[in-house]
C-alpha cells in the first residue's frame, strides 16, 4: 500500500530542486506530483451564501426560539412566573391573558430566533471565507510523493527538508487538496511553471 507525503515550498524553484533531488534519490517521476494553487477566484466562491441556507437558518431559529418564547408566555399567562407590572393579572389568570402571553412569547421568540439564525449563518460563512483566504495567501508550491513503506517515506521527508520545504505532512490531512491542481494536467496553466 502506498503512503503519500507532501512538502510545501515557498517558490517554484525550490520545489523544482526538491523534485530533481527526489528523482536522484530513486523516486519515480510517476510517484512525484508538483501542485500549484487553483486560480484565486476560489475566495469569491467561498464567500457566496445561498439564500436557501439563510432561509433555513432563519426558519429553524424562529421555530426553536418561538417555541421557547411560547412556553415562557404560557408560564407567565398561567401565573407560574410573575413579571413586574403583571403581578395583579397573573395572580388571577384569565384565558385572554394566557392566550396573549403565549402569542407574545411566540412572536417575540420567533422574531429573535429569525434574527439570530440569519446572523449565525452569515458569521459562519465569513469565518469560512477568512480561512480559505488565509490558505490562499499562504501560497507556495506543493510537492507530493507516493511512497511504498516507512523507510521510503522518511527518505522523501529528509530530501524535501534538505531542499527547503517549509512544511511537511500527509497531504490529505495537512492541505485542502481541492484548492491545488497539477499544471501538467491542465494545459492552459502549464505555462505558469
N, C-alpha and C. Protein backbone atom coordinates (compact mmCIF):
# COMPACT_ATOMS: atom_id res chain seq x y z
N UNK A 1 0.84 -1.18 0.00
CA UNK A 1 0.00 0.00 0.00
C UNK A 1 0.89 1.24 0.00
N UNK A 2 0.53 2.21 -0.82
CA UNK A 2 1.35 3.41 -0.94
C UNK A 2 0.86 4.47 0.03
N UNK A 3 1.82 5.13 0.67
CA UNK A 3 1.55 6.29 1.50
C UNK A 3 1.93 7.51 0.71
N UNK A 4 1.42 8.63 1.13
CA UNK A 4 1.76 9.87 0.43
C UNK A 4 2.30 10.86 1.45
N UNK A 5 3.37 11.52 1.09
CA UNK A 5 3.95 12.56 1.92
C UNK A 5 4.04 13.82 1.07
N UNK A 6 3.80 14.96 1.71
CA UNK A 6 3.82 16.22 0.96
C UNK A 6 4.72 17.23 1.61
N UNK A 7 5.22 18.12 0.79
CA UNK A 7 6.04 19.23 1.27
C UNK A 7 5.61 20.51 0.59
N UNK A 8 5.50 21.57 1.39
CA UNK A 8 5.14 22.88 0.85
C UNK A 8 6.41 23.69 0.67
N UNK A 9 6.58 24.24 -0.52
CA UNK A 9 7.76 25.01 -0.85
C UNK A 9 7.35 26.44 -1.16
N UNK A 10 8.22 27.37 -0.77
CA UNK A 10 7.90 28.78 -0.94
C UNK A 10 7.87 29.19 -2.41
N UNK A 11 8.79 28.66 -3.21
CA UNK A 11 8.87 29.07 -4.62
C UNK A 11 8.87 27.85 -5.53
N UNK A 12 8.63 28.12 -6.79
CA UNK A 12 8.67 27.07 -7.80
C UNK A 12 10.10 26.53 -7.94
N UNK A 13 11.08 27.40 -7.79
CA UNK A 13 12.48 26.98 -7.92
C UNK A 13 12.86 25.94 -6.86
N UNK A 14 12.50 26.21 -5.60
CA UNK A 14 12.85 25.25 -4.55
C UNK A 14 12.09 23.95 -4.74
N UNK A 15 10.86 24.03 -5.22
CA UNK A 15 10.08 22.81 -5.48
C UNK A 15 10.72 22.01 -6.62
N UNK A 16 11.19 22.70 -7.64
CA UNK A 16 11.85 22.01 -8.77
C UNK A 16 13.14 21.33 -8.31
N UNK A 17 13.90 22.00 -7.44
CA UNK A 17 15.13 21.39 -6.92
C UNK A 17 14.80 20.14 -6.10
N UNK A 18 13.75 20.23 -5.29
CA UNK A 18 13.34 19.08 -4.48
C UNK A 18 12.86 17.94 -5.39
N UNK A 19 12.14 18.29 -6.44
CA UNK A 19 11.66 17.30 -7.40
C UNK A 19 12.85 16.54 -8.01
N UNK A 20 13.86 17.30 -8.41
CA UNK A 20 15.05 16.70 -9.01
C UNK A 20 15.79 15.84 -7.99
N UNK A 21 15.90 16.33 -6.76
CA UNK A 21 16.59 15.58 -5.70
C UNK A 21 15.85 14.29 -5.38
N UNK A 22 14.53 14.32 -5.41
CA UNK A 22 13.74 13.10 -5.17
C UNK A 22 13.99 12.07 -6.28
N UNK A 23 14.04 12.54 -7.51
CA UNK A 23 14.32 11.63 -8.62
C UNK A 23 15.74 11.05 -8.49
N UNK A 24 16.69 11.88 -8.11
CA UNK A 24 18.06 11.42 -7.91
C UNK A 24 18.17 10.43 -6.76
N UNK A 25 17.22 10.50 -5.82
CA UNK A 25 17.21 9.59 -4.66
C UNK A 25 16.49 8.28 -4.97
N UNK A 26 16.00 8.14 -6.18
CA UNK A 26 15.40 6.87 -6.57
C UNK A 26 13.88 6.87 -6.69
N UNK A 27 13.23 8.02 -6.48
CA UNK A 27 11.78 8.06 -6.63
C UNK A 27 11.43 8.23 -8.10
N UNK A 28 10.41 7.51 -8.53
CA UNK A 28 9.99 7.55 -9.93
C UNK A 28 9.23 8.84 -10.23
N UNK A 29 9.35 9.32 -11.46
CA UNK A 29 8.65 10.53 -11.88
C UNK A 29 7.14 10.39 -11.71
N UNK A 30 6.61 9.18 -11.92
CA UNK A 30 5.16 8.99 -11.79
C UNK A 30 4.68 9.02 -10.34
N UNK A 31 5.62 8.90 -9.38
CA UNK A 31 5.25 8.95 -7.97
C UNK A 31 5.35 10.35 -7.37
N UNK A 32 5.82 11.30 -8.16
CA UNK A 32 6.01 12.67 -7.67
C UNK A 32 5.08 13.61 -8.43
N UNK A 33 4.36 14.45 -7.69
CA UNK A 33 3.49 15.46 -8.31
C UNK A 33 3.85 16.83 -7.78
N UNK A 34 3.87 17.81 -8.67
CA UNK A 34 4.02 19.20 -8.27
C UNK A 34 2.65 19.85 -8.45
N UNK A 35 2.15 20.47 -7.40
CA UNK A 35 0.83 21.08 -7.43
C UNK A 35 0.94 22.58 -7.15
N UNK A 36 0.14 23.33 -7.86
CA UNK A 36 0.04 24.77 -7.60
C UNK A 36 -1.40 25.05 -7.18
N UNK A 37 -1.58 26.22 -6.59
CA UNK A 37 -2.93 26.55 -6.15
C UNK A 37 -3.80 26.94 -7.34
N UNK A 38 -5.07 26.60 -7.22
CA UNK A 38 -6.03 26.96 -8.27
C UNK A 38 -6.16 28.48 -8.31
N UNK A 39 -6.68 29.01 -9.40
CA UNK A 39 -6.84 30.47 -9.51
C UNK A 39 -7.56 31.05 -8.31
N UNK A 40 -7.23 32.29 -7.98
CA UNK A 40 -7.67 32.92 -6.75
C UNK A 40 -9.15 33.26 -6.68
N UNK A 41 -9.92 33.09 -7.73
CA UNK A 41 -11.34 33.40 -7.64
C UNK A 41 -12.07 32.41 -6.73
N UNK A 42 -11.36 31.42 -6.20
CA UNK A 42 -11.94 30.49 -5.24
C UNK A 42 -12.44 31.23 -4.00
N UNK A 43 -11.78 32.30 -3.60
CA UNK A 43 -12.20 33.07 -2.43
C UNK A 43 -13.59 33.67 -2.65
N UNK A 44 -13.82 34.18 -3.86
CA UNK A 44 -15.11 34.78 -4.16
C UNK A 44 -16.21 33.73 -4.04
N UNK A 45 -15.97 32.54 -4.57
CA UNK A 45 -16.98 31.50 -4.49
C UNK A 45 -17.24 31.07 -3.05
N UNK A 46 -16.19 31.08 -2.22
CA UNK A 46 -16.34 30.64 -0.84
C UNK A 46 -17.15 31.62 -0.01
N UNK A 47 -17.19 32.91 -0.42
CA UNK A 47 -17.94 33.88 0.36
C UNK A 47 -19.40 33.96 -0.08
N UNK A 48 -19.76 33.37 -1.20
CA UNK A 48 -21.15 33.38 -1.63
C UNK A 48 -21.99 32.54 -0.67
N UNK A 49 -23.15 33.07 -0.33
CA UNK A 49 -24.05 32.37 0.58
C UNK A 49 -25.37 32.16 -0.15
N UNK A 50 -25.86 30.94 -0.09
CA UNK A 50 -27.13 30.65 -0.75
C UNK A 50 -28.28 31.21 0.09
N UNK A 51 -29.26 31.78 -0.59
CA UNK A 51 -30.43 32.33 0.08
C UNK A 51 -31.18 31.21 0.80
N UNK A 52 -31.18 30.01 0.21
CA UNK A 52 -31.86 28.89 0.84
C UNK A 52 -31.24 28.55 2.19
N UNK A 53 -29.90 28.65 2.29
CA UNK A 53 -29.24 28.36 3.56
C UNK A 53 -29.60 29.39 4.62
N UNK A 54 -29.66 30.65 4.22
CA UNK A 54 -30.05 31.71 5.16
C UNK A 54 -31.49 31.50 5.59
N UNK A 55 -32.36 31.18 4.63
CA UNK A 55 -33.77 30.97 4.96
C UNK A 55 -33.96 29.78 5.90
N UNK A 56 -33.21 28.70 5.67
CA UNK A 56 -33.31 27.53 6.54
C UNK A 56 -32.89 27.88 7.96
N UNK A 57 -31.79 28.61 8.10
CA UNK A 57 -31.36 29.02 9.44
C UNK A 57 -32.38 29.95 10.09
N UNK A 58 -32.98 30.84 9.32
CA UNK A 58 -34.00 31.74 9.86
C UNK A 58 -35.21 30.96 10.34
N UNK A 59 -35.64 29.98 9.56
CA UNK A 59 -36.81 29.17 9.94
C UNK A 59 -36.52 28.36 11.19
N UNK A 60 -35.36 27.70 11.21
CA UNK A 60 -35.01 26.90 12.39
C UNK A 60 -34.89 27.76 13.64
N UNK A 61 -34.20 28.89 13.51
CA UNK A 61 -34.06 29.80 14.66
C UNK A 61 -35.41 30.31 15.13
N UNK A 62 -36.27 30.68 14.16
CA UNK A 62 -37.61 31.17 14.51
C UNK A 62 -38.45 30.11 15.20
N UNK A 63 -38.40 28.88 14.72
CA UNK A 63 -39.18 27.80 15.34
C UNK A 63 -38.70 27.48 16.75
N UNK A 64 -37.38 27.35 16.89
CA UNK A 64 -36.85 26.97 18.20
C UNK A 64 -37.13 28.05 19.24
N UNK A 65 -36.73 29.29 18.94
CA UNK A 65 -36.95 30.35 19.93
C UNK A 65 -38.43 30.73 20.04
N UNK A 66 -39.20 30.54 18.97
CA UNK A 66 -40.64 30.78 19.06
C UNK A 66 -41.30 29.81 20.02
N UNK A 67 -40.92 28.54 19.97
CA UNK A 67 -41.48 27.55 20.90
C UNK A 67 -41.05 27.85 22.33
N UNK A 68 -39.79 28.21 22.50
CA UNK A 68 -39.33 28.57 23.85
C UNK A 68 -40.08 29.79 24.36
N UNK A 69 -40.25 30.80 23.51
CA UNK A 69 -41.00 32.00 23.89
C UNK A 69 -42.45 31.69 24.22
N UNK A 70 -43.07 30.81 23.44
CA UNK A 70 -44.46 30.42 23.71
C UNK A 70 -44.57 29.70 25.05
N UNK A 71 -43.60 28.86 25.36
CA UNK A 71 -43.61 28.14 26.63
C UNK A 71 -43.46 29.12 27.80
N UNK A 72 -42.54 30.08 27.65
CA UNK A 72 -42.38 31.09 28.70
C UNK A 72 -43.65 31.94 28.81
N UNK A 73 -44.26 32.27 27.67
CA UNK A 73 -45.52 33.00 27.68
C UNK A 73 -46.62 32.22 28.39
N UNK A 74 -46.66 30.91 28.19
CA UNK A 74 -47.63 30.07 28.89
C UNK A 74 -47.40 30.12 30.40
N UNK A 75 -46.14 30.03 30.81
CA UNK A 75 -45.83 30.09 32.24
C UNK A 75 -46.22 31.43 32.85
N UNK A 76 -45.99 32.52 32.12
CA UNK A 76 -46.38 33.85 32.60
C UNK A 76 -47.89 33.97 32.63
N UNK A 77 -48.55 33.55 31.55
CA UNK A 77 -50.01 33.68 31.46
C UNK A 77 -50.75 32.81 32.46
N UNK A 78 -50.17 31.69 32.84
CA UNK A 78 -50.84 30.81 33.82
C UNK A 78 -50.50 31.17 35.25
N UNK A 79 -49.63 32.18 35.43
CA UNK A 79 -49.32 32.65 36.78
C UNK A 79 -48.17 31.93 37.46
N UNK A 80 -47.49 31.05 36.77
CA UNK A 80 -46.37 30.32 37.39
C UNK A 80 -45.12 31.18 37.48
N UNK A 81 -45.01 32.16 36.58
CA UNK A 81 -43.93 33.14 36.62
C UNK A 81 -44.57 34.51 36.67
N UNK A 82 -44.11 35.33 37.60
CA UNK A 82 -44.67 36.68 37.68
C UNK A 82 -43.65 37.68 37.15
N UNK A 83 -44.16 38.64 36.40
CA UNK A 83 -43.33 39.70 35.85
C UNK A 83 -43.71 41.01 36.50
N UNK A 84 -42.73 41.91 36.66
CA UNK A 84 -43.07 43.23 37.24
C UNK A 84 -44.12 43.94 36.39
N UNK A 85 -45.12 44.47 37.03
CA UNK A 85 -46.20 45.16 36.32
C UNK A 85 -47.37 44.25 36.00
N UNK A 86 -47.19 42.94 36.11
CA UNK A 86 -48.28 41.99 35.83
C UNK A 86 -48.67 41.19 37.07
N UNK A 87 -48.21 41.63 38.24
CA UNK A 87 -48.50 40.86 39.45
C UNK A 87 -50.00 40.66 39.67
N UNK A 88 -50.77 41.70 39.45
CA UNK A 88 -52.22 41.61 39.66
C UNK A 88 -52.89 40.69 38.66
N UNK A 89 -52.47 40.76 37.42
CA UNK A 89 -53.09 39.95 36.37
C UNK A 89 -52.71 38.49 36.51
N UNK A 90 -51.45 38.21 36.87
CA UNK A 90 -51.03 36.82 36.95
C UNK A 90 -51.49 36.16 38.25
N UNK A 91 -51.92 36.97 39.21
CA UNK A 91 -52.46 36.39 40.45
C UNK A 91 -53.80 35.73 40.18
N UNK A 92 -54.54 36.25 39.22
CA UNK A 92 -55.84 35.69 38.84
C UNK A 92 -55.85 35.52 37.32
N UNK A 93 -55.19 34.44 36.81
CA UNK A 93 -55.06 34.29 35.36
C UNK A 93 -56.40 34.08 34.65
N UNK A 94 -56.53 34.71 33.51
CA UNK A 94 -57.71 34.55 32.68
C UNK A 94 -57.28 33.91 31.36
N UNK A 95 -58.24 33.31 30.64
CA UNK A 95 -57.89 32.71 29.35
C UNK A 95 -57.33 33.73 28.35
N UNK A 96 -57.84 34.97 28.41
CA UNK A 96 -57.35 36.01 27.49
C UNK A 96 -55.88 36.33 27.77
N UNK A 97 -55.53 36.41 29.06
CA UNK A 97 -54.14 36.68 29.43
C UNK A 97 -53.24 35.53 28.99
N UNK A 98 -53.71 34.31 29.17
CA UNK A 98 -52.92 33.13 28.77
C UNK A 98 -52.66 33.14 27.26
N UNK A 99 -53.71 33.38 26.47
CA UNK A 99 -53.57 33.41 25.01
C UNK A 99 -52.65 34.56 24.58
N UNK A 100 -52.83 35.74 25.17
CA UNK A 100 -51.99 36.89 24.82
C UNK A 100 -50.53 36.63 25.20
N UNK A 101 -50.30 36.00 26.32
CA UNK A 101 -48.92 35.71 26.76
C UNK A 101 -48.25 34.69 25.84
N UNK A 102 -48.99 33.65 25.47
CA UNK A 102 -48.44 32.64 24.58
C UNK A 102 -48.13 33.24 23.21
N UNK A 103 -49.06 34.03 22.67
CA UNK A 103 -48.84 34.66 21.36
C UNK A 103 -47.68 35.65 21.42
N UNK A 104 -47.61 36.44 22.49
CA UNK A 104 -46.49 37.39 22.64
C UNK A 104 -45.16 36.66 22.71
N UNK A 105 -45.12 35.60 23.48
CA UNK A 105 -43.89 34.82 23.59
C UNK A 105 -43.51 34.18 22.27
N UNK A 106 -44.50 33.66 21.55
CA UNK A 106 -44.27 33.03 20.25
C UNK A 106 -43.71 34.04 19.24
N UNK A 107 -44.34 35.20 19.16
CA UNK A 107 -43.91 36.23 18.20
C UNK A 107 -42.54 36.79 18.59
N UNK A 108 -42.36 37.14 19.85
CA UNK A 108 -41.08 37.70 20.30
C UNK A 108 -39.94 36.71 20.14
N UNK A 109 -40.18 35.47 20.56
CA UNK A 109 -39.15 34.43 20.43
C UNK A 109 -38.88 34.10 18.97
N UNK A 110 -39.94 34.05 18.16
CA UNK A 110 -39.78 33.74 16.74
C UNK A 110 -38.97 34.79 16.02
N UNK A 111 -39.28 36.08 16.26
CA UNK A 111 -38.51 37.15 15.61
C UNK A 111 -37.05 37.14 16.07
N UNK A 112 -36.84 36.93 17.35
CA UNK A 112 -35.46 36.86 17.86
C UNK A 112 -34.73 35.68 17.23
N UNK A 113 -35.41 34.54 17.11
CA UNK A 113 -34.80 33.36 16.51
C UNK A 113 -34.45 33.56 15.05
N UNK A 114 -35.32 34.25 14.31
CA UNK A 114 -35.04 34.53 12.90
C UNK A 114 -33.79 35.39 12.77
N UNK A 115 -33.71 36.43 13.58
CA UNK A 115 -32.55 37.33 13.53
C UNK A 115 -31.28 36.59 13.90
N UNK A 116 -31.32 35.81 14.97
CA UNK A 116 -30.13 35.07 15.40
C UNK A 116 -29.75 33.98 14.39
N UNK A 117 -30.73 33.33 13.77
CA UNK A 117 -30.44 32.30 12.78
C UNK A 117 -29.73 32.87 11.57
N UNK A 118 -30.21 33.99 11.07
CA UNK A 118 -29.57 34.65 9.92
C UNK A 118 -28.17 35.13 10.29
N UNK A 119 -28.06 35.75 11.47
CA UNK A 119 -26.75 36.27 11.90
C UNK A 119 -25.73 35.14 12.06
N UNK A 120 -26.15 34.02 12.61
CA UNK A 120 -25.19 32.92 12.81
C UNK A 120 -24.73 32.36 11.48
N UNK A 121 -25.62 32.26 10.49
CA UNK A 121 -25.23 31.77 9.17
C UNK A 121 -24.24 32.72 8.50
N UNK A 122 -24.52 34.01 8.59
CA UNK A 122 -23.63 34.99 7.98
C UNK A 122 -22.26 35.00 8.65
N UNK A 123 -22.22 34.88 9.96
CA UNK A 123 -20.94 34.86 10.67
C UNK A 123 -20.14 33.60 10.35
N UNK A 124 -20.81 32.44 10.28
CA UNK A 124 -20.10 31.20 9.95
C UNK A 124 -19.54 31.25 8.54
N UNK A 125 -20.28 31.82 7.59
CA UNK A 125 -19.78 31.88 6.22
C UNK A 125 -18.60 32.85 6.12
N UNK A 126 -18.60 33.91 6.93
CA UNK A 126 -17.49 34.85 6.93
C UNK A 126 -16.23 34.17 7.47
N UNK A 127 -16.37 33.36 8.54
CA UNK A 127 -15.22 32.63 9.07
C UNK A 127 -14.65 31.68 8.02
N UNK A 128 -15.53 30.98 7.29
CA UNK A 128 -15.08 30.05 6.26
C UNK A 128 -14.32 30.80 5.17
N UNK A 129 -14.82 31.96 4.78
CA UNK A 129 -14.14 32.75 3.75
C UNK A 129 -12.77 33.21 4.23
N UNK A 130 -12.66 33.59 5.53
CA UNK A 130 -11.37 34.03 6.06
C UNK A 130 -10.37 32.89 6.07
N UNK A 131 -10.83 31.67 6.42
CA UNK A 131 -9.93 30.51 6.43
C UNK A 131 -9.44 30.22 5.02
N UNK A 132 -10.34 30.23 4.04
CA UNK A 132 -9.95 29.96 2.65
C UNK A 132 -8.99 31.04 2.18
N UNK A 133 -9.26 32.30 2.50
CA UNK A 133 -8.39 33.39 2.07
C UNK A 133 -7.01 33.24 2.70
N UNK A 134 -6.93 32.89 3.99
CA UNK A 134 -5.65 32.72 4.64
C UNK A 134 -4.84 31.63 3.96
N UNK A 135 -5.49 30.51 3.63
CA UNK A 135 -4.80 29.41 2.98
C UNK A 135 -4.30 29.82 1.60
N UNK A 136 -5.08 30.62 0.88
CA UNK A 136 -4.67 31.04 -0.45
C UNK A 136 -3.50 32.01 -0.35
N UNK A 137 -3.53 32.92 0.64
CA UNK A 137 -2.43 33.86 0.81
C UNK A 137 -1.14 33.15 1.18
N UNK A 138 -1.27 31.99 1.79
CA UNK A 138 -0.10 31.23 2.20
C UNK A 138 0.79 30.93 0.99
N UNK A 139 0.19 30.67 -0.15
CA UNK A 139 0.92 30.47 -1.40
C UNK A 139 1.82 29.26 -1.39
N UNK A 140 2.74 29.27 -2.32
CA UNK A 140 3.70 28.19 -2.40
C UNK A 140 3.35 27.14 -3.43
N UNK A 141 4.22 26.14 -3.46
CA UNK A 141 4.07 25.01 -4.38
C UNK A 141 4.07 23.75 -3.52
N UNK A 142 3.14 22.86 -3.78
CA UNK A 142 3.02 21.62 -3.01
C UNK A 142 3.59 20.47 -3.83
N UNK A 143 4.50 19.74 -3.21
CA UNK A 143 5.13 18.59 -3.84
C UNK A 143 4.65 17.36 -3.09
N UNK A 144 4.06 16.38 -3.79
CA UNK A 144 3.61 15.15 -3.14
C UNK A 144 4.38 13.96 -3.71
N UNK A 145 4.66 13.00 -2.83
CA UNK A 145 5.41 11.81 -3.24
C UNK A 145 4.68 10.58 -2.72
N UNK A 146 4.42 9.63 -3.61
CA UNK A 146 3.86 8.35 -3.20
C UNK A 146 5.01 7.45 -2.78
N UNK A 147 4.92 6.94 -1.55
CA UNK A 147 5.99 6.09 -1.02
C UNK A 147 5.44 4.71 -0.73
N UNK A 148 6.29 3.71 -0.81
CA UNK A 148 5.85 2.34 -0.61
C UNK A 148 5.89 1.88 0.83
N UNK A 149 6.81 2.42 1.62
CA UNK A 149 6.94 1.98 3.00
C UNK A 149 7.45 3.13 3.86
N UNK A 150 7.59 2.87 5.15
CA UNK A 150 8.00 3.93 6.07
C UNK A 150 9.44 4.37 5.81
N UNK A 151 10.28 3.47 5.33
CA UNK A 151 11.66 3.83 5.03
C UNK A 151 11.73 4.83 3.88
N UNK A 152 10.98 4.55 2.81
CA UNK A 152 10.98 5.49 1.68
C UNK A 152 10.25 6.79 2.04
N UNK A 153 9.29 6.70 2.94
CA UNK A 153 8.59 7.91 3.38
C UNK A 153 9.56 8.82 4.14
N UNK A 154 10.33 8.26 5.05
CA UNK A 154 11.29 9.09 5.80
C UNK A 154 12.38 9.62 4.87
N UNK A 155 12.75 8.85 3.85
CA UNK A 155 13.74 9.30 2.87
C UNK A 155 13.18 10.51 2.09
N UNK A 156 11.91 10.43 1.69
CA UNK A 156 11.28 11.54 0.95
C UNK A 156 11.20 12.78 1.84
N UNK A 157 10.83 12.60 3.10
CA UNK A 157 10.77 13.72 4.04
C UNK A 157 12.15 14.39 4.17
N UNK A 158 13.19 13.56 4.33
CA UNK A 158 14.54 14.08 4.50
C UNK A 158 14.98 14.88 3.28
N UNK A 159 14.72 14.34 2.09
CA UNK A 159 15.10 15.03 0.86
C UNK A 159 14.37 16.37 0.75
N UNK A 160 13.08 16.39 1.08
CA UNK A 160 12.32 17.64 0.99
C UNK A 160 12.80 18.64 2.03
N UNK A 161 13.10 18.18 3.24
CA UNK A 161 13.63 19.08 4.27
C UNK A 161 14.96 19.70 3.82
N UNK A 162 15.82 18.87 3.25
CA UNK A 162 17.12 19.35 2.77
C UNK A 162 16.98 20.37 1.64
N UNK A 163 15.85 20.34 0.96
CA UNK A 163 15.62 21.24 -0.17
C UNK A 163 14.62 22.35 0.17
N UNK A 164 14.62 22.75 1.43
CA UNK A 164 13.89 23.94 1.91
C UNK A 164 12.37 23.83 1.93
N UNK A 165 11.84 22.65 2.25
CA UNK A 165 10.39 22.54 2.45
C UNK A 165 10.04 23.34 3.71
N UNK A 166 9.03 24.20 3.60
CA UNK A 166 8.65 25.00 4.77
C UNK A 166 7.63 24.28 5.65
N UNK A 167 7.02 23.22 5.11
CA UNK A 167 6.04 22.44 5.88
C UNK A 167 5.98 21.04 5.28
N UNK A 168 5.89 20.03 6.14
CA UNK A 168 5.79 18.64 5.70
C UNK A 168 4.58 17.99 6.35
N UNK A 169 4.02 16.97 5.69
CA UNK A 169 2.91 16.24 6.28
C UNK A 169 2.19 15.39 5.26
N UNK A 170 1.14 14.73 5.74
CA UNK A 170 0.29 13.94 4.84
C UNK A 170 -0.62 14.93 4.10
N UNK A 171 -0.55 14.96 2.78
CA UNK A 171 -1.30 15.97 2.02
C UNK A 171 -2.79 15.99 2.32
N UNK A 172 -3.42 14.84 2.46
CA UNK A 172 -4.87 14.82 2.67
C UNK A 172 -5.26 15.36 4.04
N UNK A 173 -4.34 15.34 5.01
CA UNK A 173 -4.64 15.84 6.34
C UNK A 173 -4.19 17.30 6.52
N UNK A 174 -3.14 17.69 5.85
CA UNK A 174 -2.49 18.98 6.08
C UNK A 174 -3.04 20.09 5.18
N UNK A 175 -3.43 19.75 3.95
CA UNK A 175 -3.85 20.76 2.99
C UNK A 175 -5.19 20.39 2.37
N UNK A 176 -5.95 21.40 1.97
CA UNK A 176 -7.19 21.19 1.23
C UNK A 176 -6.81 20.91 -0.22
N UNK A 177 -6.77 19.63 -0.60
CA UNK A 177 -6.28 19.26 -1.93
C UNK A 177 -7.19 19.75 -3.05
N UNK A 178 -8.43 20.13 -2.72
CA UNK A 178 -9.32 20.68 -3.75
C UNK A 178 -8.85 22.06 -4.20
N UNK A 179 -8.02 22.72 -3.39
CA UNK A 179 -7.53 24.06 -3.73
C UNK A 179 -6.25 24.00 -4.56
N UNK A 180 -5.75 22.78 -4.83
CA UNK A 180 -4.50 22.61 -5.56
C UNK A 180 -4.75 21.86 -6.86
N UNK A 181 -3.87 22.07 -7.84
CA UNK A 181 -4.00 21.35 -9.10
C UNK A 181 -2.63 21.13 -9.70
N UNK A 182 -2.55 20.13 -10.55
CA UNK A 182 -1.32 19.81 -11.25
C UNK A 182 -1.33 20.58 -12.57
N UNK A 183 -0.41 21.53 -12.77
CA UNK A 183 -0.44 22.32 -14.01
C UNK A 183 -0.17 21.48 -15.25
N UNK A 184 0.48 20.33 -15.08
CA UNK A 184 0.76 19.47 -16.24
C UNK A 184 -0.51 18.77 -16.73
N UNK A 185 -1.51 18.66 -15.88
CA UNK A 185 -2.76 18.02 -16.29
C UNK A 185 -3.79 19.03 -16.78
N UNK A 186 -3.45 20.33 -16.70
CA UNK A 186 -4.31 21.39 -17.21
C UNK A 186 -3.48 22.25 -18.15
N UNK A 187 -3.49 21.95 -19.46
CA UNK A 187 -2.61 22.60 -20.43
C UNK A 187 -2.69 24.13 -20.39
N UNK A 188 -3.82 24.72 -20.06
CA UNK A 188 -3.93 26.18 -20.08
C UNK A 188 -3.10 26.80 -18.97
N UNK A 189 -2.75 26.02 -17.94
CA UNK A 189 -1.96 26.56 -16.84
C UNK A 189 -0.53 26.03 -16.85
N UNK A 190 -0.15 25.24 -17.81
CA UNK A 190 1.19 24.64 -17.84
C UNK A 190 2.28 25.68 -17.96
N UNK A 191 1.97 26.83 -18.56
CA UNK A 191 3.00 27.85 -18.72
C UNK A 191 3.29 28.61 -17.44
N UNK A 192 2.56 28.33 -16.34
CA UNK A 192 2.82 29.00 -15.07
C UNK A 192 3.99 28.38 -14.34
N UNK A 193 4.48 27.24 -14.81
CA UNK A 193 5.59 26.54 -14.14
C UNK A 193 6.86 27.23 -14.33
